[in-house]
Amino acid sequence: MTNLVLVASSDLQVGDFVDLEGDLYADPRHNHPAFDCLYMEVVEVERESDACVAIGFEGFDIVGFPPDHVLKVLRPATSASSNDPTS
């Protein structure tokens, strides 16, 4: 079982699966067809500066996010979480 949880870009880890559909930085025009049906796997996380975390995604690209930008991440369910956007 998995849950979507909200995670700051600075806290993403390689192997996380992220929902980028409609994301302000990765999909600002809401027009990337893969984002409609796929979670993108994080393959690289690099702190570029105090204001930017570069996240590389499998089969997509590298996107720069502010460190406090919140993303929806698919994580294994453990217990009820206050970060769960569905609760």
PDB file of N, CA and C in Angstrom:
ATOM      1  N   MET A   1       0.844  -1.175   0.000  1.00  0.00           N
ATOM      2  CA  MET A   1       0.000   0.000   0.000  1.00  0.00           C
ATOM      3  C   MET A   1       0.890   1.239   0.000  1.00  0.00           C
ATOM      4  N   THR A   2       0.475   2.266  -0.739  1.00  0.00           N
ATOM      5  CA  THR A   2       1.245   3.505  -0.810  1.00  0.00           C
ATOM      6  C   THR A   2       0.342   4.701  -0.543  1.00  0.00           C
ATOM      7  N   ASN A   3       0.981   5.805  -0.178  1.00  0.00           N
ATOM      8  CA  ASN A   3       0.279   7.071   0.061  1.00  0.00           C
ATOM      9  C   ASN A   3       1.006   8.182  -0.661  1.00  0.00           C
ATOM     10  N   LEU A   4       0.263   9.212  -1.039  1.00  0.00           N
ATOM     11  CA  LEU A   4       0.887  10.442  -1.505  1.00  0.00           C
ATOM     12  C   LEU A   4       1.136  11.313  -0.282  1.00  0.00           C
ATOM     13  N   VAL A   5       2.376  11.730  -0.109  1.00  0.00           N
ATOM     14  CA  VAL A   5       2.731  12.610   0.995  1.00  0.00           C
ATOM     15  C   VAL A   5       3.374  13.869   0.430  1.00  0.00           C
ATOM     16  N   LEU A   6       3.297  14.939   1.173  1.00  0.00           N
ATOM     17  CA  LEU A   6       3.900  16.203   0.759  1.00  0.00           C
ATOM     18  C   LEU A   6       5.319  16.271   1.313  1.00  0.00           C
ATOM     19  N   VAL A   7       6.276  16.544   0.402  1.00  0.00           N
ATOM     20  CA  VAL A   7       7.687  16.548   0.765  1.00  0.00           C
ATOM     21  C   VAL A   7       8.345  17.778   0.148  1.00  0.00           C
ATOM     22  N   ALA A   8       9.124  18.502   0.940  1.00  0.00           N
ATOM     23  CA  ALA A   8       9.888  19.637   0.413  1.00  0.00           C
ATOM     24  C   ALA A   8      10.935  19.116  -0.566  1.00  0.00           C
ATOM     25  N   SER A   9      11.200  19.880  -1.614  1.00  0.00           N
ATOM     26  CA  SER A   9      12.174  19.440  -2.618  1.00  0.00           C
ATOM     27  C   SER A   9      13.531  19.141  -1.992  1.00  0.00           C
ATOM     28  N   SER A  10      13.908  19.873  -0.962  1.00  0.00           N
ATOM     29  CA  SER A  10      15.201  19.644  -0.313  1.00  0.00           C
ATOM     30  C   SER A  10      15.253  18.321   0.441  1.00  0.00           C
ATOM     31  N   ASP A  11      14.085  17.702   0.665  1.00  0.00           N
ATOM     32  CA  ASP A  11      14.023  16.429   1.381  1.00  0.00           C
ATOM     33  C   ASP A  11      13.788  15.231   0.464  1.00  0.00           C
ATOM     34  N   LEU A  12      13.731  15.465  -0.853  1.00  0.00           N
ATOM     35  CA  LEU A  12      13.562  14.347  -1.779  1.00  0.00           C
ATOM     36  C   LEU A  12      14.792  13.456  -1.746  1.00  0.00           C
ATOM     37  N   GLN A  13      14.571  12.178  -2.048  1.00  0.00           N
ATOM     38  CA  GLN A  13      15.651  11.194  -2.059  1.00  0.00           C
ATOM     39  C   GLN A  13      15.633  10.433  -3.371  1.00  0.00           C
ATOM     40  N   VAL A  14      16.813  10.005  -3.807  1.00  0.00           N
ATOM     41  CA  VAL A  14      16.898   9.151  -4.996  1.00  0.00           C
ATOM     42  C   VAL A  14      16.004   7.942  -4.759  1.00  0.00           C
ATOM     43  N   GLY A  15      15.206   7.625  -5.767  1.00  0.00           N
ATOM     44  CA  GLY A  15      14.269   6.508  -5.662  1.00  0.00           C
ATOM     45  C   GLY A  15      12.851   6.931  -5.352  1.00  0.00           C
ATOM     46  N   ASP A  16      12.652   8.183  -4.901  1.00  0.00           N
ATOM     47  CA  ASP A  16      11.291   8.682  -4.679  1.00  0.00           C
ATOM     48  C   ASP A  16      10.559   8.772  -6.013  1.00  0.00           C
ATOM     49  N   PHE A  17       9.250   8.587  -5.965  1.00  0.00           N
ATOM     50  CA  PHE A  17       8.393   8.755  -7.139  1.00  0.00           C
ATOM     51  C   PHE A  17       7.517   9.973  -6.900  1.00  0.00           C
ATOM     52  N   VAL A  18       7.602  10.952  -7.826  1.00  0.00           N
ATOM     53  CA  VAL A  18       6.994  12.270  -7.633  1.00  0.00           C
ATOM     54  C   VAL A  18       5.898  12.501  -8.666  1.00  0.00           C
ATOM     55  N   ASP A  19       4.785  13.076  -8.207  1.00  0.00           N
ATOM     56  CA  ASP A  19       3.693  13.481  -9.084  1.00  0.00           C
ATOM     57  C   ASP A  19       3.974  14.913  -9.530  1.00  0.00           C
ATOM     58  N   LEU A  20       4.384  15.088 -10.793  1.00  0.00           N
ATOM     59  CA  LEU A  20       4.736  16.411 -11.305  1.00  0.00           C
ATOM     60  C   LEU A  20       3.622  17.061 -12.111  1.00  0.00           C
ATOM     61  N   GLU A  21       2.491  16.404 -12.224  1.00  0.00           N
ATOM     62  CA  GLU A  21       1.398  16.954 -13.024  1.00  0.00           C
ATOM     63  C   GLU A  21       0.989  18.326 -12.487  1.00  0.00           C
ATOM     64  N   GLY A  22       1.093  19.348 -13.343  1.00  0.00           N
ATOM     65  CA  GLY A  22       0.693  20.702 -12.975  1.00  0.00           C
ATOM     66  C   GLY A  22       1.645  21.412 -12.034  1.00  0.00           C
ATOM     67  N   ASP A  23       2.818  20.827 -11.762  1.00  0.00           N
ATOM     68  CA  ASP A  23       3.758  21.468 -10.851  1.00  0.00           C
ATOM     69  C   ASP A  23       4.222  22.808 -11.420  1.00  0.00           C
ATOM     70  N   LEU A  24       4.315  23.796 -10.555  1.00  0.00           N
ATOM     71  CA  LEU A  24       4.683  25.162 -10.936  1.00  0.00           C
ATOM     72  C   LEU A  24       5.999  25.230 -11.710  1.00  0.00           C
ATOM     73  N   TYR A  25       6.974  24.392 -11.366  1.00  0.00           N
ATOM     74  CA  TYR A  25       8.288  24.450 -11.993  1.00  0.00           C
ATOM     75  C   TYR A  25       8.489  23.387 -13.069  1.00  0.00           C
ATOM     76  N   ALA A  26       7.982  22.191 -12.877  1.00  0.00           N
ATOM     77  CA  ALA A  26       8.190  21.103 -13.830  1.00  0.00           C
ATOM     78  C   ALA A  26       7.151  21.085 -14.947  1.00  0.00           C
ATOM     79  N   ASP A  27       5.949  21.544 -14.674  1.00  0.00           N
ATOM     80  CA  ASP A  27       4.848  21.471 -15.640  1.00  0.00           C
ATOM     81  C   ASP A  27       3.984  22.729 -15.551  1.00  0.00           C
ATOM     82  N   PRO A  28       4.603  23.908 -15.729  1.00  0.00           N
ATOM     83  CA  PRO A  28       3.864  25.162 -15.506  1.00  0.00           C
ATOM     84  C   PRO A  28       2.680  25.373 -16.443  1.00  0.00           C
ATOM     85  N   ARG A  29       2.713  24.757 -17.613  1.00  0.00           N
ATOM     86  CA  ARG A  29       1.603  24.921 -18.571  1.00  0.00           C
ATOM     87  C   ARG A  29       0.611  23.764 -18.505  1.00  0.00           C
ATOM     88  N   HIS A  30       0.835  22.839 -17.587  1.00  0.00           N
ATOM     89  CA  HIS A  30      -0.048  21.669 -17.425  1.00  0.00           C
ATOM     90  C   HIS A  30      -0.206  20.916 -18.744  1.00  0.00           C
ATOM     91  N   ASN A  31       0.898  20.760 -19.489  1.00  0.00           N
ATOM     92  CA  ASN A  31       0.767  20.149 -20.808  1.00  0.00           C
ATOM     93  C   ASN A  31       1.746  19.007 -21.073  1.00  0.00           C
ATOM     94  N   HIS A  32       2.406  18.486 -20.051  1.00  0.00           N
ATOM     95  CA  HIS A  32       3.321  17.364 -20.289  1.00  0.00           C
ATOM     96  C   HIS A  32       2.509  16.066 -20.218  1.00  0.00           C
ATOM     97  N   PRO A  33       2.370  15.355 -21.342  1.00  0.00           N
ATOM     98  CA  PRO A  33       1.477  14.195 -21.373  1.00  0.00           C
ATOM     99  C   PRO A  33       1.867  13.068 -20.420  1.00  0.00           C
ATOM    100  N   ALA A  34       3.143  12.853 -20.176  1.00  0.00           N
ATOM    101  CA  ALA A  34       3.547  11.759 -19.291  1.00  0.00           C
ATOM    102  C   ALA A  34       3.110  12.008 -17.856  1.00  0.00           C
ATOM    103  N   PHE A  35       3.016  13.256 -17.465  1.00  0.00           N
ATOM    104  CA  PHE A  35       2.666  13.575 -16.081  1.00  0.00           C
ATOM    105  C   PHE A  35       1.216  13.231 -15.756  1.00  0.00           C
ATOM    106  N   ASP A  36       0.384  13.059 -16.783  1.00  0.00           N
ATOM    107  CA  ASP A  36      -1.019  12.687 -16.572  1.00  0.00           C
ATOM    108  C   ASP A  36      -1.159  11.292 -15.971  1.00  0.00           C
ATOM    109  N   CYS A  37      -0.190  10.416 -16.255  1.00  0.00           N
ATOM    110  CA  CYS A  37      -0.381   9.018 -15.857  1.00  0.00           C
ATOM    111  C   CYS A  37       0.847   8.374 -15.218  1.00  0.00           C
ATOM    112  N   LEU A  38       1.935   9.118 -15.050  1.00  0.00           N
ATOM    113  CA  LEU A  38       3.153   8.535 -14.502  1.00  0.00           C
ATOM    114  C   LEU A  38       3.683   9.340 -13.328  1.00  0.00           C
ATOM    115  N   TYR A  39       4.267   8.644 -12.387  1.00  0.00           N
ATOM    116  CA  TYR A  39       5.072   9.279 -11.344  1.00  0.00           C
ATOM    117  C   TYR A  39       6.510   9.248 -11.842  1.00  0.00           C
ATOM    118  N   MET A  40       7.227  10.333 -11.671  1.00  0.00           N
ATOM    119  CA  MET A  40       8.596  10.421 -12.160  1.00  0.00           C
ATOM    120  C   MET A  40       9.564  10.025 -11.044  1.00  0.00           C
ATOM    121  N   GLU A  41      10.497   9.139 -11.373  1.00  0.00           N
ATOM    122  CA  GLU A  41      11.459   8.661 -10.375  1.00  0.00           C
ATOM    123  C   GLU A  41      12.631   9.627 -10.241  1.00  0.00           C
ATOM    124  N   VAL A  42      12.958   9.967  -9.013  1.00  0.00           N
ATOM    125  CA  VAL A  42      14.104  10.832  -8.722  1.00  0.00           C
ATOM    126  C   VAL A  42      15.382  10.010  -8.888  1.00  0.00           C
ATOM    127  N   VAL A  43      16.309  10.510  -9.731  1.00  0.00           N
ATOM    128  CA  VAL A  43      17.580   9.821  -9.943  1.00  0.00           C
ATOM    129  C   VAL A  43      18.769  10.662  -9.463  1.00  0.00           C
ATOM    130  N   GLU A  44      18.514  11.935  -9.138  1.00  0.00           N
ATOM    131  CA  GLU A  44      19.596  12.803  -8.691  1.00  0.00           C
ATOM    132  C   GLU A  44      19.029  13.944  -7.864  1.00  0.00           C
ATOM    133  N   VAL A  45      19.699  14.270  -6.778  1.00  0.00           N
ATOM    134  CA  VAL A  45      19.337  15.415  -5.948  1.00  0.00           C
ATOM    135  C   VAL A  45      20.623  16.169  -5.647  1.00  0.00           C
ATOM    136  N   GLU A  46      20.672  17.438  -6.045  1.00  0.00           N
ATOM    137  CA  GLU A  46      21.874  18.233  -5.804  1.00  0.00           C
ATOM    138  C   GLU A  46      21.496  19.635  -5.355  1.00  0.00           C
ATOM    139  N   ARG A  47      22.056  20.056  -4.257  1.00  0.00           N
ATOM    140  CA  ARG A  47      21.825  21.413  -3.755  1.00  0.00           C
ATOM    141  C   ARG A  47      22.716  22.349  -4.566  1.00  0.00           C
ATOM    142  N   GLU A  48      22.114  23.101  -5.483  1.00  0.00           N
ATOM    143  CA  GLU A  48      22.852  24.006  -6.357  1.00  0.00           C
ATOM    144  C   GLU A  48      23.284  25.269  -5.614  1.00  0.00           C
ATOM    145  N   SER A  49      22.381  25.774  -4.773  1.00  0.00           N
ATOM    146  CA  SER A  49      22.647  26.995  -4.013  1.00  0.00           C
ATOM    147  C   SER A  49      21.662  27.044  -2.857  1.00  0.00           C
ATOM    148  N   ASP A  50      21.726  28.085  -2.042  1.00  0.00           N
ATOM    149  CA  ASP A  50      20.759  28.226  -0.954  1.00  0.00           C
ATOM    150  C   ASP A  50      19.333  28.344  -1.476  1.00  0.00           C
ATOM    151  N   ALA A  51      19.187  28.793  -2.719  1.00  0.00           N
ATOM    152  CA  ALA A  51      17.863  29.037  -3.281  1.00  0.00           C
ATOM    153  C   ALA A  51      17.406  27.983  -4.288  1.00  0.00           C
ATOM    154  N   CYS A  52      18.234  26.962  -4.548  1.00  0.00           N
ATOM    155  CA  CYS A  52      17.871  26.007  -5.603  1.00  0.00           C
ATOM    156  C   CYS A  52      18.348  24.594  -5.299  1.00  0.00           C
ATOM    157  N   VAL A  53      17.410  23.647  -5.438  1.00  0.00           N
ATOM    158  CA  VAL A  53      17.722  22.219  -5.383  1.00  0.00           C
ATOM    159  C   VAL A  53      17.439  21.657  -6.771  1.00  0.00           C
ATOM    160  N   ALA A  54      18.453  21.085  -7.401  1.00  0.00           N
ATOM    161  CA  ALA A  54      18.287  20.492  -8.726  1.00  0.00           C
ATOM    162  C   ALA A  54      17.908  19.026  -8.551  1.00  0.00           C
ATOM    163  N   ILE A  55      16.768  18.657  -9.130  1.00  0.00           N
ATOM    164  CA  ILE A  55      16.264  17.289  -9.048  1.00  0.00           C
ATOM    165  C   ILE A  55      16.251  16.694 -10.457  1.00  0.00           C
ATOM    166  N   GLY A  56      16.950  15.569 -10.614  1.00  0.00           N
ATOM    167  CA  GLY A  56      16.952  14.856 -11.886  1.00  0.00           C
ATOM    168  C   GLY A  56      15.928  13.748 -11.850  1.00  0.00           C
ATOM    169  N   PHE A  57      15.173  13.616 -12.934  1.00  0.00           N
ATOM    170  CA  PHE A  57      14.119  12.611 -13.021  1.00  0.00           C
ATOM    171  C   PHE A  57      14.410  11.637 -14.153  1.00  0.00           C
ATOM    172  N   GLU A  58      14.167  10.361 -13.921  1.00  0.00           N
ATOM    173  CA  GLU A  58      14.350   9.316 -14.931  1.00  0.00           C
ATOM    174  C   GLU A  58      13.457   9.604 -16.132  1.00  0.00           C
ATOM    175  N   GLY A  59      14.057   9.639 -17.318  1.00  0.00           N
ATOM    176  CA  GLY A  59      13.297   9.816 -18.542  1.00  0.00           C
ATOM    177  C   GLY A  59      12.723  11.204 -18.743  1.00  0.00           C
ATOM    178  N   PHE A  60      13.133  12.163 -17.926  1.00  0.00           N
ATOM    179  CA  PHE A  60      12.619  13.518 -18.104  1.00  0.00           C
ATOM    180  C   PHE A  60      13.778  14.481 -18.183  1.00  0.00           C
ATOM    181  N   ASP A  61      14.085  15.190 -17.153  1.00  0.00           N
ATOM    182  CA  ASP A  61      15.087  16.233 -17.178  1.00  0.00           C
ATOM    183  C   ASP A  61      15.463  16.573 -15.747  1.00  0.00           C
ATOM    184  N   ILE A  62      16.302  17.561 -15.610  1.00  0.00           N
ATOM    185  CA  ILE A  62      16.633  18.111 -14.300  1.00  0.00           C
ATOM    186  C   ILE A  62      15.830  19.394 -14.137  1.00  0.00           C
ATOM    187  N   VAL A  63      15.192  19.545 -12.982  1.00  0.00           N
ATOM    188  CA  VAL A  63      14.373  20.721 -12.700  1.00  0.00           C
ATOM    189  C   VAL A  63      14.911  21.385 -11.434  1.00  0.00           C
ATOM    190  N   GLY A  64      15.027  22.712 -11.465  1.00  0.00           N
ATOM    191  CA  GLY A  64      15.442  23.460 -10.287  1.00  0.00           C
ATOM    192  C   GLY A  64      14.226  23.887  -9.483  1.00  0.00           C
ATOM    193  N   PHE A  65      14.223  23.577  -8.195  1.00  0.00           N
ATOM    194  CA  PHE A  65      13.127  23.927  -7.292  1.00  0.00           C
ATOM    195  C   PHE A  65      13.671  24.756  -6.131  1.00  0.00           C
ATOM    196  N   PRO A  66      12.885  25.700  -5.619  1.00  0.00           N
ATOM    197  CA  PRO A  66      13.256  26.302  -4.335  1.00  0.00           C
ATOM    198  C   PRO A  66      13.258  25.197  -3.281  1.00  0.00           C
ATOM    199  N   PRO A  67      14.143  25.274  -2.291  1.00  0.00           N
ATOM    200  CA  PRO A  67      14.249  24.189  -1.311  1.00  0.00           C
ATOM    201  C   PRO A  67      12.969  23.908  -0.528  1.00  0.00           C
ATOM    202  N   ASP A  68      12.121  24.912  -0.374  1.00  0.00           N
ATOM    203  CA  ASP A  68      10.884  24.722   0.398  1.00  0.00           C
ATOM    204  C   ASP A  68       9.676  24.411  -0.479  1.00  0.00           C
ATOM    205  N   HIS A  69       9.905  24.213  -1.784  1.00  0.00           N
ATOM    206  CA  HIS A  69       8.802  23.879  -2.693  1.00  0.00           C
ATOM    207  C   HIS A  69       8.300  22.477  -2.360  1.00  0.00           C
ATOM    208  N   VAL A  70       7.007  22.334  -2.165  1.00  0.00           N
ATOM    209  CA  VAL A  70       6.415  21.058  -1.751  1.00  0.00           C
ATOM    210  C   VAL A  70       5.936  20.278  -2.966  1.00  0.00           C
ATOM    211  N   LEU A  71       6.289  18.993  -2.985  1.00  0.00           N
ATOM    212  CA  LEU A  71       5.901  18.087  -4.064  1.00  0.00           C
ATOM    213  C   LEU A  71       5.131  16.906  -3.493  1.00  0.00           C
ATOM    214  N   LYS A  72       4.299  16.305  -4.337  1.00  0.00           N
ATOM    215  CA  LYS A  72       3.555  15.102  -3.940  1.00  0.00           C
ATOM    216  C   LYS A  72       4.398  13.881  -4.279  1.00  0.00           C
ATOM    217  N   VAL A  73       4.700  13.086  -3.250  1.00  0.00           N
ATOM    218  CA  VAL A  73       5.590  11.938  -3.399  1.00  0.00           C
ATOM    219  C   VAL A  73       4.847  10.670  -2.995  1.00  0.00           C
ATOM    220  N   LEU A  74       5.002   9.638  -3.803  1.00  0.00           N
ATOM    221  CA  LEU A  74       4.415   8.333  -3.508  1.00  0.00           C
ATOM    222  C   LEU A  74       5.357   7.603  -2.559  1.00  0.00           C
ATOM    223  N   ARG A  75       4.850   7.274  -1.383  1.00  0.00           N
ATOM    224  CA  ARG A  75       5.666   6.602  -0.372  1.00  0.00           C
ATOM    225  C   ARG A  75       4.911   5.390   0.158  1.00  0.00           C
ATOM    226  N   PRO A  76       5.641   4.371   0.580  1.00  0.00           N
ATOM    227  CA  PRO A  76       4.973   3.215   1.192  1.00  0.00           C
ATOM    228  C   PRO A  76       4.183   3.656   2.417  1.00  0.00           C
ATOM    229  N   ALA A  77       2.999   3.116   2.562  1.00  0.00           N
ATOM    230  CA  ALA A  77       2.154   3.442   3.716  1.00  0.00           C
ATOM    231  C   ALA A  77       2.754   2.816   4.958  1.00  0.00           C
ATOM    232  N   THR A  78       2.865   3.608   6.016  1.00  0.00           N
ATOM    233  CA  THR A  78       3.342   3.079   7.288  1.00  0.00           C
ATOM    234  C   THR A  78       2.264   3.263   8.342  1.00  0.00           C
ATOM    235  N   SER A  79       1.853   4.500   8.523  1.00  0.00           N
ATOM    236  CA  SER A  79       0.765   4.812   9.445  1.00  0.00           C
ATOM    237  C   SER A  79       0.180   6.137   9.013  1.00  0.00           C
ATOM    238  N   ALA A  80      -0.914   6.535   9.611  1.00  0.00           N
ATOM    239  CA  ALA A  80      -1.531   7.809   9.268  1.00  0.00           C
ATOM    240  C   ALA A  80      -0.527   8.918   9.454  1.00  0.00           C
ATOM    241  N   SER A  81      -0.455   9.788   8.475  1.00  0.00           N
ATOM    242  CA  SER A  81       0.533  10.869   8.510  1.00  0.00           C
ATOM    243  C   SER A  81      -0.157  12.209   8.366  1.00  0.00           C
ATOM    244  N   SER A  82       0.329  13.192   9.077  1.00  0.00           N
ATOM    245  CA  SER A  82      -0.222  14.545   8.955  1.00  0.00           C
ATOM    246  C   SER A  82       0.183  15.160   7.624  1.00  0.00           C
ATOM    247  N   ASN A  83       1.149  14.555   6.918  1.00  0.00           N
ATOM    248  CA  ASN A  83       1.562  15.063   5.616  1.00  0.00           C
ATOM    249  C   ASN A  83       0.741  14.478   4.471  1.00  0.00           C
ATOM    250  N   ASP A  84      -0.189  13.604   4.781  1.00  0.00           N
ATOM    251  CA  ASP A  84      -1.008  12.945   3.771  1.00  0.00           C
ATOM    252  C   ASP A  84      -2.026  13.940   3.230  1.00  0.00           C
ATOM    253  N   PRO A  85      -1.909  14.342   1.920  1.00  0.00           N
ATOM    254  CA  PRO A  85      -2.828  15.341   1.371  1.00  0.00           C
ATOM    255  C   PRO A  85      -4.255  14.829   1.207  1.00  0.00           C
ATOM    256  N   THR A  86      -4.483  13.520   1.382  1.00  0.00           N
ATOM    257  CA  THR A  86      -5.825  12.982   1.212  1.00  0.00           C
ATOM    258  C   THR A  86      -6.587  12.938   2.528  1.00  0.00           C
ATOM    259  N   SER A  87      -5.921  13.267   3.649  1.00  0.00           N
ATOM    260  CA  SER A  87      -6.627  13.211   4.933  1.00  0.00           C
ATOM    261  C   SER A  87      -7.076  14.575   5.396  1.00  0.00           C
TER     262      SER A  87
END
